[in-house]
Amino acid sequence: MRYTWPMSDTRYHVIATLGPASQTPAIWQAMIDAGATAFRLNTSHLTLDQLRDWLDRLAAHLPAGTPLVLDLQGSKWRLGKFEPITLATGQTIHLSLGDSATRSDQLPVPHPDFFAAAAVGGEIVLNDAKIKLTVESITPTTITTRVLLGGEISAHKGITYTRSAYRRETLSDKDRAIVDQTRGMAGVRYAVSYVKDAIEMAHYRALIGRAYLIAKLERQPAMDEGAAIAASADELWVCRGDLGAELGLRGMAEAVYQITMQVRDLPVPVLMAGQVLEHMTVHATPTRAEVCQLYDALAAGYRGCVLSDEAAVGQYPIESVRVAAMFKE
């Protein structure tokens, strides 16, 4: 059995991601007052000790049972540890198997299967496709690339191949430790990143059990199997950031449109995620286009949205929640 969302539940959900810009009890309460209905922690950016500290502080200051989504890495590839660097177009960068970098022209990738999936001439995208690389040569532990689109990159950002079908679907040791540490805690929910298909999601349901489980749709196969994935999930998130990195901008828009046409027929709530109010990361007000897009999503049947950078690292976390909640009834 799993947690079952009441089919008559039409509540509007605003999930606010917590981070450096939103780490005090005063801000949490202000977000709740502004309309936040749940909070989210991206555990890929936290050590187990840091997560434990967050959980202790949240438990001490939030109303009992406040929903808290723990975002698990799942089968998503992420960079290892290194100091932030800026990559220049045309620069040679070496992707090396390991947890940390040892030189300035190197990015660590702690996933052996990432190297197994490489192909000369393939395109690699990082940090929601803000940075693009092309593969020039491959060894079992090093991929030499040239920067096609540069920019600043920091530790633990996502990395993938465009339109890649390769993936080893499993929970990491860290994900398993997080689930073991938090299993049964009041209000805790789990969101699994980069779900490929219904078979993988059923595997996660068996591992995690009855806890409230969210599937993040970030790949074309997952978008194609939304209804089947929902059979093992309590909620779906349409995550446009990594989806855009996988499919490109036009492909992402087409995939989102296709699943939006199905939202009202899916048996679990569907939320929109990924740059919902990105303008508010550095501005106190949203663009008109963002407000119209949010309204269109809700009119199509989405049950709410997930705020990421807007709430976690942006300059206006409370204001972004207030705008996201403006359509609450």
C-alpha atoms as a PDB file:
ATOM      1  CA  MET A   1       0.000   0.000   0.000  1.00  0.00           C
ATOM      2  CA  ARG A   2       0.983   3.614  -0.466  1.00  0.00           C
ATOM      3  CA  TYR A   3      -0.190   6.984   0.723  1.00  0.00           C
ATOM      4  CA  THR A   4      -3.378   7.773  -1.194  1.00  0.00           C
ATOM      5  CA  TRP A   5      -4.262  11.349  -2.098  1.00  0.00           C
ATOM      6  CA  PRO A   6      -8.023  11.953  -1.742  1.00  0.00           C
ATOM      7  CA  MET A   7      -9.408  12.261  -5.262  1.00  0.00           C
ATOM      8  CA  SER A   8     -11.746  15.053  -4.112  1.00  0.00           C
ATOM      9  CA  ASP A   9      -8.799  17.138  -2.894  1.00  0.00           C
ATOM     10  CA  THR A  10      -8.517  20.252  -5.055  1.00  0.00           C
ATOM     11  CA  ARG A  11      -6.241  22.244  -2.763  1.00  0.00           C
ATOM     12  CA  TYR A  12      -3.760  24.628  -4.309  1.00  0.00           C
ATOM     13  CA  HIS A  13      -0.151  23.821  -3.470  1.00  0.00           C
ATOM     14  CA  VAL A  14       2.828  26.150  -3.283  1.00  0.00           C
ATOM     15  CA  ILE A  15       6.000  24.261  -2.391  1.00  0.00           C
ATOM     16  CA  ALA A  16       8.912  26.521  -1.424  1.00  0.00           C
ATOM     17  CA  THR A  17      12.465  25.210  -1.638  1.00  0.00           C
ATOM     18  CA  LEU A  18      14.615  26.166   1.343  1.00  0.00           C
ATOM     19  CA  GLY A  19      18.214  27.315   1.065  1.00  0.00           C
ATOM     20  CA  PRO A  20      20.611  30.134   1.966  1.00  0.00           C
ATOM     21  CA  ALA A  21      17.956  32.804   1.322  1.00  0.00           C
ATOM     22  CA  SER A  22      15.325  31.072   3.451  1.00  0.00           C
ATOM     23  CA  GLN A  23      16.993  29.425   6.421  1.00  0.00           C
ATOM     24  CA  THR A  24      15.503  31.212   9.431  1.00  0.00           C
ATOM     25  CA  PRO A  25      12.288  30.475  11.357  1.00  0.00           C
ATOM     26  CA  ALA A  26      11.078  34.039  10.747  1.00  0.00           C
ATOM     27  CA  ILE A  27      11.252  33.538   6.978  1.00  0.00           C
ATOM     28  CA  TRP A  28       9.562  30.134   7.202  1.00  0.00           C
ATOM     29  CA  GLN A  29       6.638  31.658   9.082  1.00  0.00           C
ATOM     30  CA  ALA A  30       6.457  34.569   6.657  1.00  0.00           C
ATOM     31  CA  MET A  31       6.345  32.098   3.767  1.00  0.00           C
ATOM     32  CA  ILE A  32       3.501  30.198   5.416  1.00  0.00           C
ATOM     33  CA  ASP A  33       1.648  33.458   5.972  1.00  0.00           C
ATOM     34  CA  ALA A  34       2.250  34.347   2.303  1.00  0.00           C
ATOM     35  CA  GLY A  35       0.713  31.057   1.141  1.00  0.00           C
ATOM     36  CA  ALA A  36       3.344  28.306   1.200  1.00  0.00           C
ATOM     37  CA  THR A  37       1.685  24.940   1.796  1.00  0.00           C
ATOM     38  CA  ALA A  38       4.868  22.838   1.991  1.00  0.00           C
ATOM     39  CA  PHE A  39       8.650  23.160   2.016  1.00  0.00           C
ATOM     40  CA  ARG A  40      11.351  21.332   0.056  1.00  0.00           C
ATOM     41  CA  LEU A  41      15.000  20.472   0.688  1.00  0.00           C
ATOM     42  CA  ASN A  42      17.227  19.393  -2.187  1.00  0.00           C
ATOM     43  CA  THR A  43      19.298  16.765  -0.397  1.00  0.00           C
ATOM     44  CA  SER A  44      21.825  16.607  -3.250  1.00  0.00           C
ATOM     45  CA  HIS A  45      23.262  19.858  -1.905  1.00  0.00           C
ATOM     46  CA  LEU A  46      23.396  18.702   1.729  1.00  0.00           C
ATOM     47  CA  THR A  47      25.519  16.287   3.706  1.00  0.00           C
ATOM     48  CA  LEU A  48      23.703  13.909   6.033  1.00  0.00           C
ATOM     49  CA  ASP A  49      24.781  16.030   9.009  1.00  0.00           C
ATOM     50  CA  GLN A  50      23.507  19.207   7.346  1.00  0.00           C
ATOM     51  CA  LEU A  51      20.210  17.517   6.568  1.00  0.00           C
ATOM     52  CA  ARG A  52      19.891  16.413  10.181  1.00  0.00           C
ATOM     53  CA  ASP A  53      20.447  20.009  11.307  1.00  0.00           C
ATOM     54  CA  TRP A  54      17.743  21.263   8.931  1.00  0.00           C
ATOM     55  CA  LEU A  55      15.313  18.611  10.133  1.00  0.00           C
ATOM     56  CA  ASP A  56      15.938  19.442  13.791  1.00  0.00           C
ATOM     57  CA  ARG A  57      15.429  23.169  13.249  1.00  0.00           C
ATOM     58  CA  LEU A  58      12.322  22.721  11.123  1.00  0.00           C
ATOM     59  CA  ALA A  59      10.785  20.339  13.661  1.00  0.00           C
ATOM     60  CA  ALA A  60      11.408  22.885  16.415  1.00  0.00           C
ATOM     61  CA  HIS A  61       9.784  25.818  14.608  1.00  0.00           C
ATOM     62  CA  LEU A  62       7.174  24.598  12.115  1.00  0.00           C
ATOM     63  CA  PRO A  63       3.638  23.504  12.991  1.00  0.00           C
ATOM     64  CA  ALA A  64       3.512  19.751  13.566  1.00  0.00           C
ATOM     65  CA  GLY A  65       3.001  17.784  10.374  1.00  0.00           C
ATOM     66  CA  THR A  66       3.948  20.600   7.995  1.00  0.00           C
ATOM     67  CA  PRO A  67       4.730  18.828   4.707  1.00  0.00           C
ATOM     68  CA  LEU A  68       8.459  18.683   3.950  1.00  0.00           C
ATOM     69  CA  VAL A  69       9.606  17.235   0.627  1.00  0.00           C
ATOM     70  CA  LEU A  70      13.066  15.680   0.571  1.00  0.00           C
ATOM     71  CA  ASP A  71      14.350  15.706  -2.992  1.00  0.00           C
ATOM     72  CA  LEU A  72      16.323  12.497  -3.618  1.00  0.00           C
ATOM     73  CA  GLN A  73      18.957  12.330  -6.346  1.00  0.00           C
ATOM     74  CA  GLY A  74      17.654   9.052  -7.723  1.00  0.00           C
ATOM     75  CA  SER A  75      19.439   8.210 -10.963  1.00  0.00           C
ATOM     76  CA  LYS A  76      20.341  11.803 -11.760  1.00  0.00           C
ATOM     77  CA  TRP A  77      24.010  12.524 -12.450  1.00  0.00           C
ATOM     78  CA  ARG A  78      25.622  15.403 -10.534  1.00  0.00           C
ATOM     79  CA  LEU A  79      29.086  16.898 -10.375  1.00  0.00           C
ATOM     80  CA  GLY A  80      31.328  16.262  -7.376  1.00  0.00           C
ATOM     81  CA  LYS A  81      33.065  18.783  -5.114  1.00  0.00           C
ATOM     82  CA  PHE A  82      35.154  21.721  -6.374  1.00  0.00           C
ATOM     83  CA  GLU A  83      35.397  25.467  -5.981  1.00  0.00           C
ATOM     84  CA  PRO A  84      33.141  27.453  -8.357  1.00  0.00           C
ATOM     85  CA  ILE A  85      34.815  28.221 -11.684  1.00  0.00           C
ATOM     86  CA  THR A  86      33.896  30.058 -14.872  1.00  0.00           C
ATOM     87  CA  LEU A  87      34.211  28.125 -18.110  1.00  0.00           C
ATOM     88  CA  ALA A  88      35.078  30.033 -21.278  1.00  0.00           C
ATOM     89  CA  THR A  89      33.790  29.168 -24.738  1.00  0.00           C
ATOM     90  CA  GLY A  90      36.417  27.114 -26.581  1.00  0.00           C
ATOM     91  CA  GLN A  91      38.170  26.008 -23.383  1.00  0.00           C
ATOM     92  CA  THR A  92      39.213  22.375 -22.913  1.00  0.00           C
ATOM     93  CA  ILE A  93      37.715  20.753 -19.815  1.00  0.00           C
ATOM     94  CA  HIS A  94      38.376  17.245 -18.530  1.00  0.00           C
ATOM     95  CA  LEU A  95      35.539  15.359 -16.820  1.00  0.00           C
ATOM     96  CA  SER A  96      37.176  12.886 -14.444  1.00  0.00           C
ATOM     97  CA  LEU A  97      35.739  10.006 -12.465  1.00  0.00           C
ATOM     98  CA  GLY A  98      35.880  10.938  -8.792  1.00  0.00           C
ATOM     99  CA  ASP A  99      34.355  12.907  -5.947  1.00  0.00           C
ATOM    100  CA  SER A 100      36.578  16.013  -6.135  1.00  0.00           C
ATOM    101  CA  ALA A 101      38.759  17.974  -8.561  1.00  0.00           C
ATOM    102  CA  THR A 102      42.555  18.085  -8.364  1.00  0.00           C
ATOM    103  CA  ARG A 103      43.224  20.742 -11.021  1.00  0.00           C
ATOM    104  CA  SER A 104      41.615  23.865 -12.468  1.00  0.00           C
ATOM    105  CA  ASP A 105      40.701  22.401 -15.886  1.00  0.00           C
ATOM    106  CA  GLN A 106      38.888  19.418 -14.372  1.00  0.00           C
ATOM    107  CA  LEU A 107      35.328  18.720 -13.266  1.00  0.00           C
ATOM    108  CA  PRO A 108      34.720  15.629 -11.099  1.00  0.00           C
ATOM    109  CA  VAL A 109      31.843  13.277 -11.944  1.00  0.00           C
ATOM    110  CA  PRO A 110      31.317  10.569  -9.277  1.00  0.00           C
ATOM    111  CA  HIS A 111      29.264   8.250 -11.527  1.00  0.00           C
ATOM    112  CA  PRO A 112      30.999   5.394 -13.420  1.00  0.00           C
ATOM    113  CA  ASP A 113      27.940   4.903 -15.643  1.00  0.00           C
ATOM    114  CA  PHE A 114      28.296   8.489 -16.896  1.00  0.00           C
ATOM    115  CA  PHE A 115      31.530   7.453 -18.603  1.00  0.00           C
ATOM    116  CA  ALA A 116      29.976   4.274 -19.985  1.00  0.00           C
ATOM    117  CA  ALA A 117      27.302   6.403 -21.672  1.00  0.00           C
ATOM    118  CA  ALA A 118      29.752   8.795 -23.393  1.00  0.00           C
ATOM    119  CA  ALA A 119      30.117   9.076 -27.174  1.00  0.00           C
ATOM    120  CA  VAL A 120      32.596  11.162 -29.149  1.00  0.00           C
ATOM    121  CA  GLY A 121      30.803  14.135 -30.653  1.00  0.00           C
ATOM    122  CA  GLY A 122      28.001  13.936 -28.117  1.00  0.00           C
ATOM    123  CA  GLU A 123      26.777  17.015 -26.307  1.00  0.00           C
ATOM    124  CA  ILE A 124      26.926  17.326 -22.527  1.00  0.00           C
ATOM    125  CA  VAL A 125      24.853  19.921 -20.700  1.00  0.00           C
ATOM    126  CA  LEU A 126      25.297  21.171 -17.147  1.00  0.00           C
ATOM    127  CA  ASN A 127      23.146  23.160 -14.704  1.00  0.00           C
ATOM    128  CA  ASP A 128      19.875  22.997 -16.685  1.00  0.00           C
ATOM    129  CA  ALA A 129      21.720  23.501 -19.999  1.00  0.00           C
ATOM    130  CA  LYS A 130      23.223  26.830 -18.946  1.00  0.00           C
ATOM    131  CA  ILE A 131      26.586  25.295 -19.949  1.00  0.00           C
ATOM    132  CA  LYS A 132      27.221  23.028 -22.954  1.00  0.00           C
ATOM    133  CA  LEU A 133      30.218  20.852 -23.818  1.00  0.00           C
ATOM    134  CA  THR A 134      31.076  18.651 -26.790  1.00  0.00           C
ATOM    135  CA  VAL A 135      32.902  15.343 -26.286  1.00  0.00           C
ATOM    136  CA  GLU A 136      36.286  15.100 -28.024  1.00  0.00           C
ATOM    137  CA  SER A 137      37.827  11.937 -26.537  1.00  0.00           C
ATOM    138  CA  ILE A 138      36.961   9.253 -24.001  1.00  0.00           C
ATOM    139  CA  THR A 139      38.783   6.909 -21.637  1.00  0.00           C
ATOM    140  CA  PRO A 140      37.156   4.764 -18.919  1.00  0.00           C
ATOM    141  CA  THR A 141      37.848   7.486 -16.326  1.00  0.00           C
ATOM    142  CA  THR A 142      38.248  10.746 -18.299  1.00  0.00           C
ATOM    143  CA  ILE A 143      36.188  12.545 -20.930  1.00  0.00           C
ATOM    144  CA  THR A 144      37.934  15.423 -22.683  1.00  0.00           C
ATOM    145  CA  THR A 145      35.505  18.116 -23.823  1.00  0.00           C
ATOM    146  CA  ARG A 146      35.442  21.534 -25.445  1.00  0.00           C
ATOM    147  CA  VAL A 147      33.163  24.275 -24.054  1.00  0.00           C
ATOM    148  CA  LEU A 148      30.422  25.279 -26.505  1.00  0.00           C
ATOM    149  CA  LEU A 149      28.561  27.572 -24.092  1.00  0.00           C
ATOM    150  CA  GLY A 150      30.438  28.837 -21.057  1.00  0.00           C
ATOM    151  CA  GLY A 151      29.507  30.295 -17.713  1.00  0.00           C
ATOM    152  CA  GLU A 152      29.942  29.816 -13.987  1.00  0.00           C
ATOM    153  CA  ILE A 153      29.595  26.290 -12.606  1.00  0.00           C
ATOM    154  CA  SER A 154      29.720  25.044  -9.024  1.00  0.00           C
ATOM    155  CA  ALA A 155      29.684  21.764  -7.139  1.00  0.00           C
ATOM    156  CA  HIS A 156      26.813  19.280  -7.283  1.00  0.00           C
ATOM    157  CA  LYS A 157      25.103  20.795 -10.331  1.00  0.00           C
ATOM    158  CA  GLY A 158      23.344  18.391 -12.665  1.00  0.00           C
ATOM    159  CA  ILE A 159      25.136  17.003 -15.718  1.00  0.00           C
ATOM    160  CA  THR A 160      23.719  14.891 -18.536  1.00  0.00           C
ATOM    161  CA  TYR A 161      23.804  14.065 -22.222  1.00  0.00           C
ATOM    162  CA  THR A 162      21.122  15.565 -24.414  1.00  0.00           C
ATOM    163  CA  ARG A 163      18.426  13.013 -25.242  1.00  0.00           C
ATOM    164  CA  SER A 164      20.317  10.241 -23.505  1.00  0.00           C
ATOM    165  CA  ALA A 165      18.538   6.905 -23.144  1.00  0.00           C
ATOM    166  CA  TYR A 166      21.250   5.413 -20.928  1.00  0.00           C
ATOM    167  CA  ARG A 167      20.814   5.297 -17.165  1.00  0.00           C
ATOM    168  CA  ARG A 168      21.344   2.890 -14.297  1.00  0.00           C
ATOM    169  CA  GLU A 169      18.183   3.315 -12.270  1.00  0.00           C
ATOM    170  CA  THR A 170      18.699   2.945  -8.528  1.00  0.00           C
ATOM    171  CA  LEU A 171      18.863   4.841  -5.243  1.00  0.00           C
ATOM    172  CA  SER A 172      22.345   5.860  -4.151  1.00  0.00           C
ATOM    173  CA  ASP A 173      23.726   4.879  -0.767  1.00  0.00           C
ATOM    174  CA  LYS A 174      23.125   8.463   0.365  1.00  0.00           C
ATOM    175  CA  ASP A 175      19.482   8.375  -0.786  1.00  0.00           C
ATOM    176  CA  ARG A 176      18.955   5.118   1.091  1.00  0.00           C
ATOM    177  CA  ALA A 177      20.527   6.610   4.227  1.00  0.00           C
ATOM    178  CA  ILE A 178      18.213   9.629   3.979  1.00  0.00           C
ATOM    179  CA  VAL A 179      15.141   7.422   3.666  1.00  0.00           C
ATOM    180  CA  ASP A 180      16.287   5.272   6.602  1.00  0.00           C
ATOM    181  CA  GLN A 181      16.984   8.381   8.711  1.00  0.00           C
ATOM    182  CA  THR A 182      13.618  10.024   8.022  1.00  0.00           C
ATOM    183  CA  ARG A 183      11.241   7.108   7.489  1.00  0.00           C
ATOM    184  CA  GLY A 184       8.073   7.647   9.477  1.00  0.00           C
ATOM    185  CA  MET A 185       8.780  11.288  10.385  1.00  0.00           C
ATOM    186  CA  ALA A 186       5.582  13.342  10.415  1.00  0.00           C
ATOM    187  CA  GLY A 187       5.095  15.370   7.246  1.00  0.00           C
ATOM    188  CA  VAL A 188       8.127  13.989   5.367  1.00  0.00           C
ATOM    189  CA  ARG A 189       7.625  13.206   1.685  1.00  0.00           C
ATOM    190  CA  TYR A 190      10.102  12.054  -0.967  1.00  0.00           C
ATOM    191  CA  ALA A 191      10.562  13.355  -4.508  1.00  0.00           C
ATOM    192  CA  VAL A 192      12.629  11.107  -6.788  1.00  0.00           C
ATOM    193  CA  SER A 193      14.621  12.864  -9.506  1.00  0.00           C
ATOM    194  CA  TYR A 194      15.027  11.764 -13.099  1.00  0.00           C
ATOM    195  CA  VAL A 195      12.545   8.902 -13.126  1.00  0.00           C
ATOM    196  CA  LYS A 196      12.806   7.087 -16.452  1.00  0.00           C
ATOM    197  CA  ASP A 197       9.592   5.071 -16.643  1.00  0.00           C
ATOM    198  CA  ALA A 198       6.897   3.179 -14.756  1.00  0.00           C
ATOM    199  CA  ILE A 199       9.138   0.177 -14.113  1.00  0.00           C
ATOM    200  CA  GLU A 200      11.699   2.340 -12.339  1.00  0.00           C
ATOM    201  CA  MET A 201       9.020   4.161 -10.340  1.00  0.00           C
ATOM    202  CA  ALA A 202       7.538   0.860  -9.185  1.00  0.00           C
ATOM    203  CA  HIS A 203      11.035  -0.092  -7.995  1.00  0.00           C
ATOM    204  CA  TYR A 204      11.242   3.083  -5.889  1.00  0.00           C
ATOM    205  CA  ARG A 205       7.784   2.439  -4.453  1.00  0.00           C
ATOM    206  CA  ALA A 206       8.892  -0.997  -3.324  1.00  0.00           C
ATOM    207  CA  LEU A 207      12.046   0.454  -1.731  1.00  0.00           C
ATOM    208  CA  ILE A 208      10.364   3.367   0.028  1.00  0.00           C
ATOM    209  CA  GLY A 209       7.081   1.728   1.019  1.00  0.00           C
ATOM    210  CA  ARG A 210       3.942   3.607   1.992  1.00  0.00           C
ATOM    211  CA  ALA A 211       5.513   7.052   2.410  1.00  0.00           C
ATOM    212  CA  TYR A 212       4.206   9.910   0.259  1.00  0.00           C
ATOM    213  CA  LEU A 213       6.199   9.595  -2.964  1.00  0.00           C
ATOM    214  CA  ILE A 214       6.580  12.156  -5.761  1.00  0.00           C
ATOM    215  CA  ALA A 215       7.858  11.381  -9.258  1.00  0.00           C
ATOM    216  CA  LYS A 216       9.789  14.159 -10.983  1.00  0.00           C
ATOM    217  CA  LEU A 217       9.205  13.996 -14.734  1.00  0.00           C
ATOM    218  CA  GLU A 218      12.419  15.222 -16.368  1.00  0.00           C
ATOM    219  CA  ARG A 219      12.962  12.820 -19.287  1.00  0.00           C
ATOM    220  CA  GLN A 220      11.019  12.060 -22.452  1.00  0.00           C
ATOM    221  CA  PRO A 221      10.224   8.430 -21.497  1.00  0.00           C
ATOM    222  CA  ALA A 222       8.769   9.643 -18.192  1.00  0.00           C
ATOM    223  CA  MET A 223       6.634  12.250 -19.954  1.00  0.00           C
ATOM    224  CA  ASP A 224       5.348   9.502 -22.255  1.00  0.00           C
ATOM    225  CA  GLU A 225       4.443   7.269 -19.283  1.00  0.00           C
ATOM    226  CA  GLY A 226       2.927   9.803 -16.903  1.00  0.00           C
ATOM    227  CA  ALA A 227      -0.240   7.805 -16.261  1.00  0.00           C
ATOM    228  CA  ALA A 228       1.653   4.551 -15.677  1.00  0.00           C
ATOM    229  CA  ILE A 229       4.159   6.271 -13.372  1.00  0.00           C
ATOM    230  CA  ALA A 230       1.248   7.733 -11.398  1.00  0.00           C
ATOM    231  CA  ALA A 231       0.243   4.185 -10.456  1.00  0.00           C
ATOM    232  CA  SER A 232       3.274   4.108  -8.127  1.00  0.00           C
ATOM    233  CA  ALA A 233       3.295   7.788  -7.118  1.00  0.00           C
ATOM    234  CA  ASP A 234       1.192  10.101  -4.983  1.00  0.00           C
ATOM    235  CA  GLU A 235       2.100  13.205  -6.971  1.00  0.00           C
ATOM    236  CA  LEU A 236       3.850  14.179 -10.224  1.00  0.00           C
ATOM    237  CA  TRP A 237       6.073  17.196 -10.862  1.00  0.00           C
ATOM    238  CA  VAL A 238       6.688  18.416 -14.399  1.00  0.00           C
ATOM    239  CA  CYS A 239      10.270  19.694 -14.034  1.00  0.00           C
ATOM    240  CA  ARG A 240      11.144  21.917 -16.956  1.00  0.00           C
ATOM    241  CA  GLY A 241      14.748  22.628 -15.971  1.00  0.00           C
ATOM    242  CA  ASP A 242      16.284  19.197 -16.527  1.00  0.00           C
ATOM    243  CA  LEU A 243      13.679  18.413 -19.172  1.00  0.00           C
ATOM    244  CA  GLY A 244      14.998  21.360 -21.172  1.00  0.00           C
ATOM    245  CA  ALA A 245      18.544  20.120 -20.670  1.00  0.00           C
ATOM    246  CA  GLU A 246      17.539  16.712 -22.020  1.00  0.00           C
ATOM    247  CA  LEU A 247      15.360  17.772 -24.942  1.00  0.00           C
ATOM    248  CA  GLY A 248      16.376  21.324 -25.806  1.00  0.00           C
ATOM    249  CA  LEU A 249      14.024  24.275 -25.525  1.00  0.00           C
ATOM    250  CA  ARG A 250      11.625  23.356 -28.324  1.00  0.00           C
ATOM    251  CA  GLY A 251      11.541  19.683 -27.344  1.00  0.00           C
ATOM    252  CA  MET A 252      10.864  20.643 -23.742  1.00  0.00           C
ATOM    253  CA  ALA A 253       7.984  22.932 -24.761  1.00  0.00           C
ATOM    254  CA  GLU A 254       6.447  20.196 -26.908  1.00  0.00           C
ATOM    255  CA  ALA A 255       6.735  17.587 -24.149  1.00  0.00           C
ATOM    256  CA  VAL A 256       5.216  19.897 -21.530  1.00  0.00           C
ATOM    257  CA  TYR A 257       2.336  20.750 -23.865  1.00  0.00           C
ATOM    258  CA  GLN A 258       1.603  17.073 -24.459  1.00  0.00           C
ATOM    259  CA  ILE A 259       1.433  16.182 -20.778  1.00  0.00           C
ATOM    260  CA  THR A 260      -0.515  19.348 -19.958  1.00  0.00           C
ATOM    261  CA  MET A 261      -3.255  18.055 -22.244  1.00  0.00           C
ATOM    262  CA  GLN A 262      -3.465  14.966 -19.988  1.00  0.00           C
ATOM    263  CA  VAL A 263      -3.237  16.598 -16.563  1.00  0.00           C
ATOM    264  CA  ARG A 264      -6.961  16.489 -15.776  1.00  0.00           C
ATOM    265  CA  ASP A 265      -7.070  12.757 -16.589  1.00  0.00           C
ATOM    266  CA  LEU A 266      -4.173  11.748 -14.334  1.00  0.00           C
ATOM    267  CA  PRO A 267      -5.156  10.096 -11.029  1.00  0.00           C
ATOM    268  CA  VAL A 268      -2.777  12.112  -8.814  1.00  0.00           C
ATOM    269  CA  PRO A 269      -2.024  15.847  -8.425  1.00  0.00           C
ATOM    270  CA  VAL A 270       0.404  17.335 -10.949  1.00  0.00           C
ATOM    271  CA  LEU A 271       2.545  20.372 -10.085  1.00  0.00           C
ATOM    272  CA  MET A 272       4.581  22.644 -12.348  1.00  0.00           C
ATOM    273  CA  ALA A 273       8.267  23.118 -11.490  1.00  0.00           C
ATOM    274  CA  GLY A 274      11.255  24.832 -13.053  1.00  0.00           C
ATOM    275  CA  GLN A 275      11.645  28.616 -13.373  1.00  0.00           C
ATOM    276  CA  VAL A 276       8.013  29.244 -12.444  1.00  0.00           C
ATOM    277  CA  LEU A 277       8.875  32.774 -11.257  1.00  0.00           C
ATOM    278  CA  GLU A 278      12.548  32.923 -12.256  1.00  0.00           C
ATOM    279  CA  HIS A 279      12.420  36.716 -12.701  1.00  0.00           C
ATOM    280  CA  MET A 280      11.775  37.024  -8.970  1.00  0.00           C
ATOM    281  CA  THR A 281      15.165  35.532  -8.156  1.00  0.00           C
ATOM    282  CA  VAL A 282      16.523  39.064  -8.586  1.00  0.00           C
ATOM    283  CA  HIS A 283      13.382  41.216  -8.955  1.00  0.00           C
ATOM    284  CA  ALA A 284      10.602  41.963  -6.454  1.00  0.00           C
ATOM    285  CA  THR A 285       7.860  41.414  -9.038  1.00  0.00           C
ATOM    286  CA  PRO A 286       7.253  38.732 -11.692  1.00  0.00           C
ATOM    287  CA  THR A 287       6.972  39.278 -15.412  1.00  0.00           C
ATOM    288  CA  ARG A 288       3.472  39.442 -16.877  1.00  0.00           C
ATOM    289  CA  ALA A 289       4.386  36.367 -18.914  1.00  0.00           C
ATOM    290  CA  GLU A 290       5.167  34.375 -15.737  1.00  0.00           C
ATOM    291  CA  VAL A 291       1.837  35.299 -14.165  1.00  0.00           C
ATOM    292  CA  CYS A 292      -0.081  34.406 -17.326  1.00  0.00           C
ATOM    293  CA  GLN A 293       1.789  31.111 -17.667  1.00  0.00           C
ATOM    294  CA  LEU A 294       1.025  30.198 -14.054  1.00  0.00           C
ATOM    295  CA  TYR A 295      -2.646  31.018 -14.547  1.00  0.00           C
ATOM    296  CA  ASP A 296      -2.743  28.958 -17.765  1.00  0.00           C
ATOM    297  CA  ALA A 297      -1.171  25.977 -15.948  1.00  0.00           C
ATOM    298  CA  LEU A 298      -3.704  26.105 -13.143  1.00  0.00           C
ATOM    299  CA  ALA A 299      -6.573  26.488 -15.598  1.00  0.00           C
ATOM    300  CA  ALA A 300      -5.293  23.372 -17.396  1.00  0.00           C
ATOM    301  CA  GLY A 301      -5.533  21.358 -14.177  1.00  0.00           C
ATOM    302  CA  TYR A 302      -2.159  21.679 -12.426  1.00  0.00           C
ATOM    303  CA  ARG A 303      -2.644  21.696  -8.638  1.00  0.00           C
ATOM    304  CA  GLY A 304       0.075  24.251  -7.924  1.00  0.00           C
ATOM    305  CA  CYS A 305       3.773  24.883  -8.363  1.00  0.00           C
ATOM    306  CA  VAL A 306       7.234  24.293  -6.921  1.00  0.00           C
ATOM    307  CA  LEU A 307       9.487  27.305  -6.327  1.00  0.00           C
ATOM    308  CA  SER A 308      13.220  26.535  -6.553  1.00  0.00           C
ATOM    309  CA  ASP A 309      15.831  29.296  -6.885  1.00  0.00           C
ATOM    310  CA  GLU A 310      13.130  31.894  -6.291  1.00  0.00           C
ATOM    311  CA  ALA A 311      12.758  30.731  -2.687  1.00  0.00           C
ATOM    312  CA  ALA A 312      16.103  29.031  -1.975  1.00  0.00           C
ATOM    313  CA  VAL A 313      18.696  31.539  -3.205  1.00  0.00           C
ATOM    314  CA  GLY A 314      16.713  34.469  -4.566  1.00  0.00           C
ATOM    315  CA  GLN A 315      16.504  37.962  -3.142  1.00  0.00           C
ATOM    316  CA  TYR A 316      12.719  37.848  -2.649  1.00  0.00           C
ATOM    317  CA  PRO A 317      11.702  34.439  -1.253  1.00  0.00           C
ATOM    318  CA  ILE A 318       8.636  35.673   0.628  1.00  0.00           C
ATOM    319  CA  GLU A 319       7.410  37.827  -2.237  1.00  0.00           C
ATOM    320  CA  SER A 320       7.797  34.931  -4.689  1.00  0.00           C
ATOM    321  CA  VAL A 321       5.611  32.730  -2.487  1.00  0.00           C
ATOM    322  CA  ARG A 322       3.007  35.486  -2.259  1.00  0.00           C
ATOM    323  CA  VAL A 323       2.867  35.798  -6.047  1.00  0.00           C
ATOM    324  CA  ALA A 324       2.703  32.022  -6.550  1.00  0.00           C
ATOM    325  CA  ALA A 325      -0.195  31.870  -4.092  1.00  0.00           C
ATOM    326  CA  MET A 326      -2.205  34.717  -5.633  1.00  0.00           C
ATOM    327  CA  PHE A 327      -4.599  32.284  -7.298  1.00  0.00           C
ATOM    328  CA  LYS A 328      -5.434  30.359  -4.127  1.00  0.00           C
ATOM    329  CA  GLU A 329      -9.142  30.241  -3.451  1.00  0.00           C
END
